[in-house]
Amino acid sequence: MTRGRSAVAVLLGSALLLLTGCGKPADPPPPPAGVDLSTANAADGNGLWLRSGADVTDIVSEAVRAGGPVHISGELTETVQPDPEAEPEPGRSISIDFRGTAASYVATVVAGDVRIDAVVSAEGSRVRGNAAFAREHEGRDADAVVCSDGLDPVLADFAPLLDPSDLVTALLGTGGVGASPPVGDAETIEVVTGEEGSVVGVLTVQRYGAPLPASFVAADASGEGELAFAGWGEEVDVAAAAADLACPEDG
């Protein structure tokens, strides 16, 4: 996301899930790289609020990249106004169910009437699209599984949804980003993105240790939606998913 464009405009939306916890850990984990707690109290959290702008985005993005597998789910919807005299109305929507990392994942993406199911691993990729997908991609047949030794090039059409780190970077952007200091015993803090006092998105991240996201919410004139991040570090059975998305020669 570039300055002047909201996360909704870039990705058609996102969402908020506030989590509260049981207080500060007895032995706080070290802060993420890029945060200096020499003049702060480590018991207060990871110190993300001591940085701002692109630094915050980079720190969170790197935490996501190093955080291992994650389950990302949600729906993003743009707002359109075909007639200047008419009321704005919901337009295209994108829904995602992603489990894994950028290099190994199982995902379903629905963008408007287009749907794809994908499995990606070190062995290659498997992609199945519906009739709407086939109409937009010459040489593809509806509901046929296409297997590739490498990454199927059609998956680039769904960037950055299929790379958790890139997704978070797009949601936050590099300007107008700041983390709020922790409140009470909450186990999360809020990373806010917007310009000139206008908040367009809030990413909720872990307060202690790596600032791994829990959720993101955004809503402005361009659209709204929500994404949830869960199951950090939980392994994904990519082999089982690949078996369910069998290559033609496997049949």
C-alpha atoms as a PDB file:
ATOM      1  CA  MET A   1       0.000   0.000   0.000  1.00  0.00           C
ATOM      2  CA  THR A   2       1.345   3.391  -0.925  1.00  0.00           C
ATOM      3  CA  ARG A   3       0.665   6.561   0.962  1.00  0.00           C
ATOM      4  CA  GLY A   4      -2.710   8.001  -0.001  1.00  0.00           C
ATOM      5  CA  ARG A   5      -4.365   4.631  -0.628  1.00  0.00           C
ATOM      6  CA  SER A   6      -6.118   2.748   2.142  1.00  0.00           C
ATOM      7  CA  ALA A   7      -5.688  -0.962   2.779  1.00  0.00           C
ATOM      8  CA  VAL A   8      -9.245  -1.435   1.536  1.00  0.00           C
ATOM      9  CA  ALA A   9      -8.399   0.202  -1.760  1.00  0.00           C
ATOM     10  CA  VAL A  10      -5.411  -2.109  -2.158  1.00  0.00           C
ATOM     11  CA  LEU A  11      -6.954  -5.388  -0.946  1.00  0.00           C
ATOM     12  CA  LEU A  12     -10.710  -4.651  -0.717  1.00  0.00           C
ATOM     13  CA  GLY A  13     -10.807  -4.451   3.067  1.00  0.00           C
ATOM     14  CA  SER A  14      -9.884  -6.236   6.390  1.00  0.00           C
ATOM     15  CA  ALA A  15     -10.856  -6.751  10.340  1.00  0.00           C
ATOM     16  CA  LEU A  16     -10.460  -6.517  14.089  1.00  0.00           C
ATOM     17  CA  LEU A  17     -10.379  -9.167  16.806  1.00  0.00           C
ATOM     18  CA  LEU A  18      -9.500  -7.759  20.216  1.00  0.00           C
ATOM     19  CA  LEU A  19      -7.865 -10.260  22.539  1.00  0.00           C
ATOM     20  CA  THR A  20      -7.351  -9.805  26.247  1.00  0.00           C
ATOM     21  CA  GLY A  21      -5.183 -11.982  28.408  1.00  0.00           C
ATOM     22  CA  CYS A  22      -4.165 -12.862  31.899  1.00  0.00           C
ATOM     23  CA  GLY A  23      -1.494 -10.235  32.458  1.00  0.00           C
ATOM     24  CA  LYS A  24       2.214  -9.849  31.909  1.00  0.00           C
ATOM     25  CA  PRO A  25       4.410 -12.961  31.572  1.00  0.00           C
ATOM     26  CA  ALA A  26       6.787 -13.589  34.459  1.00  0.00           C
ATOM     27  CA  ASP A  27       9.790 -13.563  32.132  1.00  0.00           C
ATOM     28  CA  PRO A  28       9.070 -11.343  29.092  1.00  0.00           C
ATOM     29  CA  PRO A  29      10.535 -12.652  25.827  1.00  0.00           C
ATOM     30  CA  PRO A  30      13.090 -10.498  23.990  1.00  0.00           C
ATOM     31  CA  PRO A  31      11.759  -7.741  21.722  1.00  0.00           C
ATOM     32  CA  PRO A  32      11.714  -8.154  17.951  1.00  0.00           C
ATOM     33  CA  ALA A  33      14.727  -7.083  15.903  1.00  0.00           C
ATOM     34  CA  GLY A  34      14.689  -3.351  15.340  1.00  0.00           C
ATOM     35  CA  VAL A  35      13.262  -2.416  18.747  1.00  0.00           C
ATOM     36  CA  ASP A  36      15.549  -1.018  21.452  1.00  0.00           C
ATOM     37  CA  LEU A  37      14.198  -1.478  24.983  1.00  0.00           C
ATOM     38  CA  SER A  38      17.255  -0.019  26.730  1.00  0.00           C
ATOM     39  CA  THR A  39      15.210   2.993  27.860  1.00  0.00           C
ATOM     40  CA  ALA A  40      11.915   1.124  28.338  1.00  0.00           C
ATOM     41  CA  ASN A  41      10.493  -1.516  30.644  1.00  0.00           C
ATOM     42  CA  ALA A  42      10.580  -4.941  28.987  1.00  0.00           C
ATOM     43  CA  ALA A  43       7.704  -6.013  31.244  1.00  0.00           C
ATOM     44  CA  ASP A  44       5.457  -3.582  29.340  1.00  0.00           C
ATOM     45  CA  GLY A  45       5.793  -5.535  26.109  1.00  0.00           C
ATOM     46  CA  ASN A  46       7.827  -5.711  22.924  1.00  0.00           C
ATOM     47  CA  GLY A  47       8.153  -1.931  22.504  1.00  0.00           C
ATOM     48  CA  LEU A  48       6.679  -1.795  19.008  1.00  0.00           C
ATOM     49  CA  TRP A  49       5.067   1.543  19.943  1.00  0.00           C
ATOM     50  CA  LEU A  50       8.562   3.047  20.181  1.00  0.00           C
ATOM     51  CA  ARG A  51       8.865   2.906  16.376  1.00  0.00           C
ATOM     52  CA  SER A  52       6.706   4.437  13.651  1.00  0.00           C
ATOM     53  CA  GLY A  53       5.980   4.470   9.929  1.00  0.00           C
ATOM     54  CA  ALA A  54       7.843   2.068   7.675  1.00  0.00           C
ATOM     55  CA  ASP A  55       9.849   0.747  10.642  1.00  0.00           C
ATOM     56  CA  VAL A  56       6.691  -0.661  12.237  1.00  0.00           C
ATOM     57  CA  THR A  57       5.593  -2.230   8.977  1.00  0.00           C
ATOM     58  CA  ASP A  58       9.005  -3.825   8.453  1.00  0.00           C
ATOM     59  CA  ILE A  59       9.172  -5.180  12.018  1.00  0.00           C
ATOM     60  CA  VAL A  60       5.723  -6.771  11.827  1.00  0.00           C
ATOM     61  CA  SER A  61       6.331  -8.092   8.324  1.00  0.00           C
ATOM     62  CA  GLU A  62       9.580  -9.745   9.403  1.00  0.00           C
ATOM     63  CA  ALA A  63       7.858 -11.262  12.453  1.00  0.00           C
ATOM     64  CA  VAL A  64       5.246 -12.758  10.145  1.00  0.00           C
ATOM     65  CA  ARG A  65       7.917 -14.119   7.808  1.00  0.00           C
ATOM     66  CA  ALA A  66       9.677 -15.805  10.739  1.00  0.00           C
ATOM     67  CA  GLY A  67       6.480 -16.878  12.490  1.00  0.00           C
ATOM     68  CA  GLY A  68       5.939 -20.089  10.549  1.00  0.00           C
ATOM     69  CA  PRO A  69       2.593 -21.398   9.356  1.00  0.00           C
ATOM     70  CA  VAL A  70      -0.551 -19.351   9.978  1.00  0.00           C
ATOM     71  CA  HIS A  71      -4.253 -19.617   9.236  1.00  0.00           C
ATOM     72  CA  ILE A  72      -5.595 -16.476   7.538  1.00  0.00           C
ATOM     73  CA  SER A  73      -9.293 -16.179   6.813  1.00  0.00           C
ATOM     74  CA  GLY A  74     -11.801 -13.470   6.058  1.00  0.00           C
ATOM     75  CA  GLU A  75     -13.614 -11.467   3.431  1.00  0.00           C
ATOM     76  CA  LEU A  76     -12.858  -8.097   1.848  1.00  0.00           C
ATOM     77  CA  THR A  77     -15.466  -6.035  -0.015  1.00  0.00           C
ATOM     78  CA  GLU A  78     -15.009  -2.861  -2.017  1.00  0.00           C
ATOM     79  CA  THR A  79     -17.542  -0.042  -2.131  1.00  0.00           C
ATOM     80  CA  VAL A  80     -18.587   1.284  -5.545  1.00  0.00           C
ATOM     81  CA  GLN A  81     -20.707   4.191  -6.744  1.00  0.00           C
ATOM     82  CA  PRO A  82     -21.464   3.719 -10.463  1.00  0.00           C
ATOM     83  CA  ASP A  83     -23.739   6.774 -10.470  1.00  0.00           C
ATOM     84  CA  PRO A  84     -22.571   9.937  -8.658  1.00  0.00           C
ATOM     85  CA  GLU A  85     -26.178  10.609  -7.710  1.00  0.00           C
ATOM     86  CA  ALA A  86     -26.704   7.134  -6.242  1.00  0.00           C
ATOM     87  CA  GLU A  87     -25.777   5.817  -2.801  1.00  0.00           C
ATOM     88  CA  PRO A  88     -22.528   3.832  -2.566  1.00  0.00           C
ATOM     89  CA  GLU A  89     -23.051   0.078  -2.626  1.00  0.00           C
ATOM     90  CA  PRO A  90     -21.022  -3.100  -2.091  1.00  0.00           C
ATOM     91  CA  GLY A  91     -18.998  -4.175  -5.115  1.00  0.00           C
ATOM     92  CA  ARG A  92     -16.547  -7.016  -5.613  1.00  0.00           C
ATOM     93  CA  SER A  93     -15.613  -9.243  -2.727  1.00  0.00           C
ATOM     94  CA  ILE A  94     -12.613 -11.424  -2.058  1.00  0.00           C
ATOM     95  CA  SER A  95     -12.673 -14.217   0.507  1.00  0.00           C
ATOM     96  CA  ILE A  96      -9.632 -16.203   1.555  1.00  0.00           C
ATOM     97  CA  ASP A  97      -8.864 -19.307   3.557  1.00  0.00           C
ATOM     98  CA  PHE A  98      -5.099 -19.761   3.735  1.00  0.00           C
ATOM     99  CA  ARG A  99      -3.058 -22.174   5.858  1.00  0.00           C
ATOM    100  CA  GLY A 100       0.726 -22.354   5.777  1.00  0.00           C
ATOM    101  CA  THR A 101       3.625 -20.166   4.699  1.00  0.00           C
ATOM    102  CA  ALA A 102       4.498 -18.388   1.470  1.00  0.00           C
ATOM    103  CA  ALA A 103       6.486 -21.454   0.369  1.00  0.00           C
ATOM    104  CA  SER A 104       4.093 -24.196   1.470  1.00  0.00           C
ATOM    105  CA  TYR A 105       0.361 -23.685   1.802  1.00  0.00           C
ATOM    106  CA  VAL A 106      -3.197 -24.774   1.186  1.00  0.00           C
ATOM    107  CA  ALA A 107      -5.530 -22.010   0.061  1.00  0.00           C
ATOM    108  CA  THR A 108      -8.954 -21.229  -1.331  1.00  0.00           C
ATOM    109  CA  VAL A 109      -9.596 -17.793  -2.797  1.00  0.00           C
ATOM    110  CA  VAL A 110     -12.916 -16.531  -4.114  1.00  0.00           C
ATOM    111  CA  ALA A 111     -12.739 -13.235  -6.022  1.00  0.00           C
ATOM    112  CA  GLY A 112     -16.147 -12.223  -7.309  1.00  0.00           C
ATOM    113  CA  ASP A 113     -17.375 -15.284  -9.231  1.00  0.00           C
ATOM    114  CA  VAL A 114     -13.852 -16.699  -9.627  1.00  0.00           C
ATOM    115  CA  ARG A 115     -12.724 -19.459  -7.282  1.00  0.00           C
ATOM    116  CA  ILE A 116      -9.412 -21.285  -7.042  1.00  0.00           C
ATOM    117  CA  ASP A 117      -8.167 -24.035  -4.750  1.00  0.00           C
ATOM    118  CA  ALA A 118      -4.401 -24.307  -4.506  1.00  0.00           C
ATOM    119  CA  VAL A 119      -1.788 -26.474  -2.826  1.00  0.00           C
ATOM    120  CA  VAL A 120       1.842 -25.343  -2.978  1.00  0.00           C
ATOM    121  CA  SER A 121       4.898 -27.146  -1.598  1.00  0.00           C
ATOM    122  CA  ALA A 122       8.531 -27.832  -2.426  1.00  0.00           C
ATOM    123  CA  GLU A 123       7.293 -30.465  -4.881  1.00  0.00           C
ATOM    124  CA  GLY A 124       5.349 -27.936  -6.931  1.00  0.00           C
ATOM    125  CA  SER A 125       1.818 -26.610  -7.112  1.00  0.00           C
ATOM    126  CA  ARG A 126      -1.685 -27.852  -7.797  1.00  0.00           C
ATOM    127  CA  VAL A 127      -4.423 -25.433  -8.848  1.00  0.00           C
ATOM    128  CA  ARG A 128      -8.082 -25.984  -9.597  1.00  0.00           C
ATOM    129  CA  GLY A 129     -10.367 -23.204 -10.808  1.00  0.00           C
ATOM    130  CA  ASN A 130     -14.080 -22.972 -11.488  1.00  0.00           C
ATOM    131  CA  ALA A 131     -15.793 -22.032 -14.758  1.00  0.00           C
ATOM    132  CA  ALA A 132     -15.334 -18.291 -14.185  1.00  0.00           C
ATOM    133  CA  PHE A 133     -11.628 -18.857 -13.589  1.00  0.00           C
ATOM    134  CA  ALA A 134     -11.358 -20.894 -16.801  1.00  0.00           C
ATOM    135  CA  ARG A 135     -13.016 -18.111 -18.792  1.00  0.00           C
ATOM    136  CA  GLU A 136     -10.356 -15.668 -17.617  1.00  0.00           C
ATOM    137  CA  HIS A 137      -7.388 -17.988 -18.186  1.00  0.00           C
ATOM    138  CA  GLU A 138      -6.942 -19.359 -21.672  1.00  0.00           C
ATOM    139  CA  GLY A 139      -6.079 -23.037 -21.759  1.00  0.00           C
ATOM    140  CA  ARG A 140      -7.640 -23.806 -18.381  1.00  0.00           C
ATOM    141  CA  ASP A 141     -10.659 -26.066 -18.009  1.00  0.00           C
ATOM    142  CA  ALA A 142     -13.278 -25.638 -15.314  1.00  0.00           C
ATOM    143  CA  ASP A 143     -12.696 -27.859 -12.270  1.00  0.00           C
ATOM    144  CA  ALA A 144      -9.558 -29.398 -13.797  1.00  0.00           C
ATOM    145  CA  VAL A 145      -6.476 -29.709 -11.598  1.00  0.00           C
ATOM    146  CA  VAL A 146      -3.286 -28.338 -13.155  1.00  0.00           C
ATOM    147  CA  CYS A 147      -0.061 -29.591 -11.599  1.00  0.00           C
ATOM    148  CA  SER A 148       3.279 -27.821 -12.016  1.00  0.00           C
ATOM    149  CA  ASP A 149       6.804 -28.679 -10.897  1.00  0.00           C
ATOM    150  CA  GLY A 150       7.244 -25.049  -9.829  1.00  0.00           C
ATOM    151  CA  LEU A 151       4.830 -22.284  -8.902  1.00  0.00           C
ATOM    152  CA  ASP A 152       1.818 -22.032 -11.214  1.00  0.00           C
ATOM    153  CA  PRO A 153       2.011 -18.524 -12.780  1.00  0.00           C
ATOM    154  CA  VAL A 154      -1.730 -17.923 -12.311  1.00  0.00           C
ATOM    155  CA  LEU A 155      -1.135 -17.698  -8.557  1.00  0.00           C
ATOM    156  CA  ALA A 156       0.614 -14.368  -9.124  1.00  0.00           C
ATOM    157  CA  ASP A 157      -2.831 -12.936  -9.951  1.00  0.00           C
ATOM    158  CA  PHE A 158      -3.797 -13.372  -6.302  1.00  0.00           C
ATOM    159  CA  ALA A 159      -0.792 -11.600  -4.772  1.00  0.00           C
ATOM    160  CA  PRO A 160      -0.286 -10.589  -2.025  1.00  0.00           C
ATOM    161  CA  LEU A 161      -3.011 -12.782  -0.516  1.00  0.00           C
ATOM    162  CA  LEU A 162      -0.870 -15.926  -0.778  1.00  0.00           C
ATOM    163  CA  ASP A 163       2.167 -14.560   1.089  1.00  0.00           C
ATOM    164  CA  PRO A 164       1.413 -13.638   4.736  1.00  0.00           C
ATOM    165  CA  SER A 165       4.348 -11.240   5.055  1.00  0.00           C
ATOM    166  CA  ASP A 166       3.536  -9.430   1.806  1.00  0.00           C
ATOM    167  CA  LEU A 167      -0.112  -9.300   2.811  1.00  0.00           C
ATOM    168  CA  VAL A 168       0.660  -7.562   6.104  1.00  0.00           C
ATOM    169  CA  THR A 169       2.971  -5.134   4.313  1.00  0.00           C
ATOM    170  CA  ALA A 170       0.181  -4.259   1.871  1.00  0.00           C
ATOM    171  CA  LEU A 171      -2.341  -3.835   4.669  1.00  0.00           C
ATOM    172  CA  LEU A 172      -0.163  -1.453   6.662  1.00  0.00           C
ATOM    173  CA  GLY A 173       1.772   0.364   3.977  1.00  0.00           C
ATOM    174  CA  THR A 174       4.825   2.413   4.876  1.00  0.00           C
ATOM    175  CA  GLY A 175       3.442   5.827   5.851  1.00  0.00           C
ATOM    176  CA  GLY A 176       1.014   6.902   8.535  1.00  0.00           C
ATOM    177  CA  VAL A 177       1.648   3.742  10.600  1.00  0.00           C
ATOM    178  CA  GLY A 178       2.046   3.682  14.366  1.00  0.00           C
ATOM    179  CA  ALA A 179       1.576   1.288  17.276  1.00  0.00           C
ATOM    180  CA  SER A 180      -0.413   2.282  20.344  1.00  0.00           C
ATOM    181  CA  PRO A 181       1.085   1.687  23.804  1.00  0.00           C
ATOM    182  CA  PRO A 182      -0.401  -1.294  25.657  1.00  0.00           C
ATOM    183  CA  VAL A 183      -3.465  -0.853  27.823  1.00  0.00           C
ATOM    184  CA  GLY A 184      -3.918  -2.696  31.122  1.00  0.00           C
ATOM    185  CA  ASP A 185      -3.326  -6.431  31.021  1.00  0.00           C
ATOM    186  CA  ALA A 186      -4.252  -6.900  27.348  1.00  0.00           C
ATOM    187  CA  GLU A 187      -1.996  -9.367  25.546  1.00  0.00           C
ATOM    188  CA  THR A 188      -2.264  -7.427  22.293  1.00  0.00           C
ATOM    189  CA  ILE A 189      -1.543  -3.932  21.025  1.00  0.00           C
ATOM    190  CA  GLU A 190      -2.968  -2.047  18.058  1.00  0.00           C
ATOM    191  CA  VAL A 191      -1.057  -0.959  14.981  1.00  0.00           C
ATOM    192  CA  VAL A 192      -2.970   1.840  13.295  1.00  0.00           C
ATOM    193  CA  THR A 193      -2.647   2.904   9.663  1.00  0.00           C
ATOM    194  CA  GLY A 194      -4.053   6.091   8.172  1.00  0.00           C
ATOM    195  CA  GLU A 195      -3.227   9.658   7.338  1.00  0.00           C
ATOM    196  CA  GLU A 196      -3.733  13.031   8.986  1.00  0.00           C
ATOM    197  CA  GLY A 197      -5.667  11.642  11.925  1.00  0.00           C
ATOM    198  CA  SER A 198      -7.951   9.493   9.792  1.00  0.00           C
ATOM    199  CA  VAL A 199      -7.702   5.831  10.815  1.00  0.00           C
ATOM    200  CA  VAL A 200      -8.402   3.417   7.964  1.00  0.00           C
ATOM    201  CA  GLY A 201      -7.065   0.205   9.450  1.00  0.00           C
ATOM    202  CA  VAL A 202      -6.156  -1.415  12.764  1.00  0.00           C
ATOM    203  CA  LEU A 203      -3.912  -4.469  12.981  1.00  0.00           C
ATOM    204  CA  THR A 204      -3.984  -6.206  16.351  1.00  0.00           C
ATOM    205  CA  VAL A 205      -0.652  -7.880  17.193  1.00  0.00           C
ATOM    206  CA  GLN A 206       0.858  -9.739  20.113  1.00  0.00           C
ATOM    207  CA  ARG A 207       2.167  -7.479  22.876  1.00  0.00           C
ATOM    208  CA  TYR A 208       5.042  -9.692  24.062  1.00  0.00           C
ATOM    209  CA  GLY A 209       7.811 -11.064  21.864  1.00  0.00           C
ATOM    210  CA  ALA A 210       7.268 -11.163  18.113  1.00  0.00           C
ATOM    211  CA  PRO A 211       4.342  -8.891  17.105  1.00  0.00           C
ATOM    212  CA  LEU A 212       2.410 -11.608  15.308  1.00  0.00           C
ATOM    213  CA  PRO A 213      -0.966 -10.399  14.004  1.00  0.00           C
ATOM    214  CA  ALA A 214      -4.256 -11.615  15.423  1.00  0.00           C
ATOM    215  CA  SER A 215      -6.550  -9.604  13.145  1.00  0.00           C
ATOM    216  CA  PHE A 216      -6.999  -6.576  10.958  1.00  0.00           C
ATOM    217  CA  VAL A 217     -10.007  -4.350  10.375  1.00  0.00           C
ATOM    218  CA  ALA A 218     -10.413  -1.518   7.913  1.00  0.00           C
ATOM    219  CA  ALA A 219     -13.313   0.544   6.656  1.00  0.00           C
ATOM    220  CA  ASP A 220     -13.413   3.710   4.614  1.00  0.00           C
ATOM    221  CA  ALA A 221     -15.086   5.066   1.496  1.00  0.00           C
ATOM    222  CA  SER A 222     -13.378   2.448  -0.682  1.00  0.00           C
ATOM    223  CA  GLY A 223     -14.667  -0.597   1.198  1.00  0.00           C
ATOM    224  CA  GLU A 224     -14.476  -2.726   4.302  1.00  0.00           C
ATOM    225  CA  GLY A 225     -13.843  -6.260   5.473  1.00  0.00           C
ATOM    226  CA  GLU A 226     -12.013  -8.417   7.954  1.00  0.00           C
ATOM    227  CA  LEU A 227      -9.126 -10.833   8.198  1.00  0.00           C
ATOM    228  CA  ALA A 228      -8.229 -13.077  11.128  1.00  0.00           C
ATOM    229  CA  PHE A 229      -4.802 -14.611  11.816  1.00  0.00           C
ATOM    230  CA  ALA A 230      -4.686 -17.754  13.970  1.00  0.00           C
ATOM    231  CA  GLY A 231      -2.794 -20.982  14.587  1.00  0.00           C
ATOM    232  CA  TRP A 232       0.705 -19.493  14.422  1.00  0.00           C
ATOM    233  CA  GLY A 233       3.324 -22.227  14.155  1.00  0.00           C
ATOM    234  CA  GLU A 234       0.811 -25.037  13.679  1.00  0.00           C
ATOM    235  CA  GLU A 235       1.918 -27.428  10.956  1.00  0.00           C
ATOM    236  CA  VAL A 236      -0.323 -27.838   7.918  1.00  0.00           C
ATOM    237  CA  ASP A 237      -0.920 -31.260   6.349  1.00  0.00           C
ATOM    238  CA  VAL A 238      -0.045 -30.202   2.826  1.00  0.00           C
ATOM    239  CA  ALA A 239       0.339 -33.818   1.683  1.00  0.00           C
ATOM    240  CA  ALA A 240      -3.247 -34.641   2.625  1.00  0.00           C
ATOM    241  CA  ALA A 241      -4.495 -31.533   0.845  1.00  0.00           C
ATOM    242  CA  ALA A 242      -2.488 -32.494  -2.245  1.00  0.00           C
ATOM    243  CA  ALA A 243      -4.068 -35.945  -2.189  1.00  0.00           C
ATOM    244  CA  ASP A 244      -7.507 -34.298  -2.199  1.00  0.00           C
ATOM    245  CA  LEU A 245      -6.420 -32.188  -5.198  1.00  0.00           C
ATOM    246  CA  ALA A 246      -5.080 -35.071  -7.238  1.00  0.00           C
ATOM    247  CA  CYS A 247      -3.214 -34.499 -10.496  1.00  0.00           C
ATOM    248  CA  PRO A 248      -4.854 -36.023 -13.590  1.00  0.00           C
ATOM    249  CA  GLU A 249      -2.079 -38.604 -13.931  1.00  0.00           C
ATOM    250  CA  ASP A 250      -2.671 -39.671 -10.333  1.00  0.00           C
ATOM    251  CA  GLY A 251      -6.156 -40.754 -11.179  1.00  0.00           C
END
